[in-house]
Amino acid sequence: MNLMKSVPVILLGTLILAGCGQEEKVKLENHIDQASYGVGLNIGRQLSQEDVEMNADAVAAGIKDALAKAEQQVSDEDIQAAFEKIREDQMRKQEALNDAAAKASEDFLAENAKKDGVQVTDSGLQYEVLTAVEGDAPKPTAADTVKVHYHGTLIDGTVFDSSVERGEPIEFPLGNVIPGWTEGVQLMKVGEKFKFTIPAELAYGARSPSPKIPANSALVFEVELLDIVK
């Protein structure tokens, strides 16, 4: 979460909390009321994605003071310092999660490497041949565009991306993907299916491309090489 970017949203979003603690519901009888509610609803949905603890009573007090043009009870400097403290707390929590993901991935890779049929390359990439093709068949190079079906999961089995589930294979230049894919798919013949277990440093490392993939995560892919696209 980037709290500093969220500050204006949080300040605006507190409008929806102004009625916290009131026993009676806000009346939504006309278009002004309903449009106002819609604004609050949209902002509330944004706020619900922020993992930040807020004091609803304090939020309401701030709104009331602002609308009444009363003297603010906390200085701008102290408010900014408070936001900074929240940001630091969030960063510490995220770093702890990242460290946990890294440790879990390290343990998983160590155990997976011991399994029958799993081979490990010099880079640390682990692969297992699920479907082999006998005889001569073309292999791609890093300069080729390939057509594949794939199913990607975290080490706990959570699916984060899958062309198989979408029912449509994809094509991409093999040199433009994560290093684990570039290396691994070059080991495959057209028609083969491999299972790759990719260390974080050969995947996305500390910078996750998606909330579905925690930073420092090893990734597991089942990949079927359908064709080398000419």
Protein backbone atom coordinates (compact mmCIF):
# COMPACT_ATOMS: atom_id res chain seq x y z
CA MET A 1 0.00 0.00 0.00
CA ASN A 2 1.28 3.45 -0.89
CA LEU A 3 -0.16 5.43 1.98
CA MET A 4 1.14 8.81 0.82
CA LYS A 5 -0.84 8.49 -2.38
CA SER A 6 -3.84 7.36 -0.36
CA VAL A 7 -3.92 10.31 2.01
CA PRO A 8 -6.18 12.52 -0.16
CA VAL A 9 -8.48 9.57 -0.75
CA ILE A 10 -8.64 8.86 2.96
CA LEU A 11 -9.41 12.48 3.79
CA LEU A 12 -12.14 12.61 1.18
CA GLY A 13 -13.35 9.15 2.04
CA THR A 14 -13.99 10.09 5.63
CA LEU A 15 -17.14 11.84 4.46
CA ILE A 16 -18.83 8.47 4.40
CA LEU A 17 -17.95 7.94 8.04
CA ALA A 18 -19.33 11.24 9.31
CA GLY A 19 -22.46 9.50 10.43
CA CYS A 20 -20.66 6.80 12.40
CA GLY A 21 -22.17 6.44 15.81
CA GLN A 22 -25.49 7.92 14.75
CA GLU A 23 -28.44 5.74 15.55
CA GLU A 24 -30.61 7.00 12.71
CA LYS A 25 -29.85 6.18 9.12
CA VAL A 26 -29.14 8.98 6.68
CA LYS A 27 -32.16 9.81 4.54
CA LEU A 28 -31.63 9.20 0.82
CA GLU A 29 -34.82 10.71 -0.53
CA ASN A 30 -33.70 12.90 -3.43
CA HIS A 31 -31.11 12.89 -6.19
CA ILE A 32 -28.65 14.98 -4.16
CA ASP A 33 -28.82 12.53 -1.27
CA GLN A 34 -28.49 9.55 -3.59
CA ALA A 35 -25.61 11.01 -5.60
CA SER A 36 -23.85 11.89 -2.35
CA TYR A 37 -24.34 8.34 -1.15
CA GLY A 38 -22.92 7.04 -4.43
CA VAL A 39 -19.78 9.14 -3.99
CA GLY A 40 -19.37 7.82 -0.48
CA LEU A 41 -19.99 4.25 -1.59
CA ASN A 42 -17.30 4.42 -4.26
CA ILE A 43 -14.79 5.98 -1.91
CA GLY A 44 -15.68 3.48 0.78
CA ARG A 45 -14.92 0.64 -1.61
CA GLN A 46 -11.49 2.15 -2.21
CA LEU A 47 -10.89 2.56 1.50
CA SER A 48 -11.89 -1.04 2.17
CA GLN A 49 -8.87 -2.13 0.13
CA GLU A 50 -6.53 -0.20 2.44
CA ASP A 51 -5.21 -2.25 5.34
CA VAL A 52 -5.15 0.73 7.71
CA GLU A 53 -6.77 0.98 11.14
CA MET A 54 -8.90 4.12 11.47
CA ASN A 55 -10.78 5.64 14.45
CA ALA A 56 -14.27 6.38 13.09
CA ASP A 57 -15.09 8.79 15.93
CA ALA A 58 -11.94 10.81 15.25
CA VAL A 59 -12.72 10.80 11.55
CA ALA A 60 -16.19 12.16 12.23
CA ALA A 61 -14.75 14.83 14.54
CA GLY A 62 -12.41 16.00 11.81
CA ILE A 63 -15.23 16.29 9.30
CA LYS A 64 -17.43 18.22 11.72
CA ASP A 65 -14.61 20.66 12.54
CA ALA A 66 -13.88 21.21 8.85
CA LEU A 67 -17.51 21.79 7.91
CA ALA A 68 -18.01 24.10 10.88
CA LYS A 69 -14.75 25.92 10.09
CA ALA A 70 -13.70 25.30 13.67
CA GLU A 71 -10.11 25.38 14.86
CA GLN A 72 -8.47 22.05 14.11
CA GLN A 73 -7.56 19.96 17.11
CA VAL A 74 -4.35 18.52 15.64
CA SER A 75 -1.77 20.51 13.72
CA ASP A 76 -0.99 19.81 10.08
CA GLU A 77 2.53 18.81 11.10
CA ASP A 78 1.25 16.25 13.60
CA ILE A 79 -1.24 14.90 11.06
CA GLN A 80 1.52 14.45 8.49
CA ALA A 81 3.71 12.74 11.10
CA ALA A 82 0.83 10.40 11.95
CA PHE A 83 0.41 9.43 8.30
CA GLU A 84 4.14 8.83 8.07
CA LYS A 85 4.02 6.58 11.13
CA ILE A 86 1.19 4.55 9.60
CA ARG A 87 3.18 4.25 6.37
CA GLU A 88 6.21 2.99 8.28
CA ASP A 89 4.08 0.46 10.15
CA GLN A 90 2.66 -0.82 6.87
CA MET A 91 6.14 -1.14 5.37
CA ARG A 92 7.32 -3.18 8.35
CA LYS A 93 4.33 -5.49 8.02
CA GLN A 94 4.98 -5.95 4.30
CA GLU A 95 8.67 -6.65 4.86
CA ALA A 96 7.76 -9.32 7.40
CA LEU A 97 5.39 -10.92 4.89
CA ASN A 98 8.06 -10.81 2.19
CA ASP A 99 10.60 -12.43 4.50
CA ALA A 100 8.11 -15.17 5.35
CA ALA A 101 7.44 -15.81 1.66
CA ALA A 102 11.18 -16.00 0.96
CA LYS A 103 11.74 -18.53 3.77
CA ALA A 104 8.76 -20.66 2.72
CA SER A 105 9.97 -20.63 -0.89
CA GLU A 106 13.49 -21.61 0.13
CA ASP A 107 12.20 -24.56 2.17
CA PHE A 108 9.86 -25.64 -0.62
CA LEU A 109 12.62 -25.60 -3.24
CA ALA A 110 14.93 -27.65 -1.00
CA GLU A 111 12.29 -30.36 -0.51
CA ASN A 112 11.09 -30.32 -4.11
CA ALA A 113 14.64 -30.88 -5.40
CA LYS A 114 14.71 -34.23 -3.56
CA LYS A 115 11.70 -35.63 -5.44
CA ASP A 116 12.13 -38.37 -8.04
CA GLY A 117 12.20 -37.00 -11.57
CA VAL A 118 13.03 -33.43 -10.56
CA GLN A 119 16.15 -32.01 -12.19
CA VAL A 120 17.93 -28.83 -11.16
CA THR A 121 19.89 -26.61 -13.53
CA ASP A 122 22.98 -24.57 -12.63
CA SER A 123 20.78 -21.47 -12.17
CA GLY A 124 18.58 -23.25 -9.62
CA LEU A 125 15.63 -23.81 -11.94
CA GLN A 126 13.84 -27.06 -11.14
CA TYR A 127 11.96 -29.02 -13.78
CA GLU A 128 10.16 -32.29 -14.24
CA VAL A 129 9.16 -33.86 -17.55
CA LEU A 130 5.44 -34.66 -17.47
CA THR A 131 4.99 -35.54 -21.14
CA ALA A 132 8.03 -36.44 -23.25
CA VAL A 133 8.38 -36.52 -27.02
CA GLU A 134 10.59 -39.28 -28.39
CA GLY A 135 12.88 -38.72 -31.33
CA ASP A 136 13.74 -35.49 -33.05
CA ALA A 137 11.51 -32.51 -32.46
CA PRO A 138 12.34 -28.81 -32.61
CA LYS A 139 13.39 -26.85 -29.53
CA PRO A 140 13.00 -23.07 -29.30
CA THR A 141 15.77 -20.55 -28.75
CA ALA A 142 15.52 -17.37 -26.71
CA ALA A 143 14.99 -15.49 -29.99
CA ASP A 144 11.88 -17.49 -30.90
CA THR A 145 8.21 -16.78 -30.32
CA VAL A 146 6.43 -19.74 -28.77
CA LYS A 147 2.85 -20.87 -28.33
CA VAL A 148 2.11 -22.49 -24.99
CA HIS A 149 -0.51 -23.56 -22.55
CA TYR A 150 0.43 -22.96 -18.92
CA HIS A 151 -0.95 -23.20 -15.38
CA GLY A 152 0.76 -21.06 -12.73
CA THR A 153 0.45 -21.51 -8.97
CA LEU A 154 2.11 -20.40 -5.76
CA ILE A 155 3.88 -23.06 -3.73
CA ASP A 156 0.69 -23.59 -1.70
CA GLY A 157 -1.25 -24.44 -4.86
CA THR A 158 -3.06 -21.12 -5.22
CA VAL A 159 -3.64 -20.39 -8.90
CA PHE A 160 -2.54 -16.90 -9.94
CA ASP A 161 -2.64 -17.28 -13.74
CA SER A 162 -3.66 -20.02 -16.15
CA SER A 163 -4.18 -20.12 -19.89
CA VAL A 164 -5.59 -23.61 -19.31
CA GLU A 165 -8.40 -22.21 -17.16
CA ARG A 166 -9.04 -19.47 -19.72
CA GLY A 167 -9.18 -22.10 -22.45
CA GLU A 168 -6.85 -20.21 -24.77
CA PRO A 169 -3.08 -20.68 -25.29
CA ILE A 170 -0.81 -17.68 -25.59
CA GLU A 171 2.08 -16.66 -27.84
CA PHE A 172 5.05 -14.58 -26.68
CA PRO A 173 8.72 -13.92 -27.50
CA LEU A 174 10.69 -16.27 -25.28
CA GLY A 175 13.29 -13.62 -24.57
CA ASN A 176 10.71 -11.24 -23.08
CA VAL A 177 9.53 -13.28 -20.09
CA ILE A 178 10.92 -14.10 -16.66
CA PRO A 179 14.35 -15.78 -16.71
CA GLY A 180 12.96 -19.07 -15.41
CA TRP A 181 10.65 -19.29 -18.42
CA THR A 182 13.32 -18.26 -20.92
CA GLU A 183 15.67 -20.93 -19.63
CA GLY A 184 13.10 -23.63 -19.02
CA VAL A 185 11.13 -23.55 -22.26
CA GLN A 186 14.37 -23.85 -24.24
CA LEU A 187 14.78 -27.29 -22.67
CA MET A 188 11.48 -28.45 -24.18
CA LYS A 189 10.64 -30.04 -27.49
CA VAL A 190 7.44 -29.07 -29.25
CA GLY A 191 4.68 -31.28 -27.87
CA GLU A 192 6.28 -31.76 -24.47
CA LYS A 193 4.88 -30.75 -21.11
CA PHE A 194 7.13 -29.78 -18.19
CA LYS A 195 6.58 -28.75 -14.61
CA PHE A 196 8.85 -25.89 -13.57
CA THR A 197 9.53 -24.76 -10.03
CA ILE A 198 11.12 -21.35 -10.39
CA PRO A 199 13.08 -19.65 -7.60
CA ALA A 200 12.07 -16.06 -6.87
CA GLU A 201 15.29 -14.68 -8.34
CA LEU A 202 14.38 -16.32 -11.67
CA ALA A 203 10.79 -15.07 -11.40
CA TYR A 204 9.77 -11.65 -10.07
CA GLY A 205 12.06 -11.39 -7.05
CA ALA A 206 11.24 -8.69 -4.53
CA ARG A 207 9.01 -6.76 -6.96
CA SER A 208 5.74 -8.54 -7.48
CA PRO A 209 3.76 -7.72 -10.63
CA SER A 210 0.46 -8.57 -8.96
CA PRO A 211 -1.18 -8.73 -5.52
CA LYS A 212 -1.75 -12.40 -6.30
CA ILE A 213 1.99 -13.04 -6.14
CA PRO A 214 3.73 -12.16 -2.87
CA ALA A 215 7.21 -10.70 -3.24
CA ASN A 216 10.10 -13.18 -3.01
CA SER A 217 7.86 -16.09 -4.03
CA ALA A 218 8.94 -19.23 -5.83
CA LEU A 219 6.45 -20.08 -8.56
CA VAL A 220 5.25 -23.37 -10.02
CA PHE A 221 4.24 -23.68 -13.67
CA GLU A 222 3.01 -26.57 -15.76
CA VAL A 223 3.88 -25.65 -19.33
CA GLU A 224 2.95 -27.38 -22.59
CA LEU A 225 4.95 -26.23 -25.63
CA LEU A 226 2.46 -26.28 -28.50
CA ASP A 227 4.48 -24.67 -31.27
CA ILE A 228 7.35 -22.45 -32.30
CA VAL A 229 5.70 -19.59 -34.15
CA LYS A 230 7.34 -18.65 -37.44
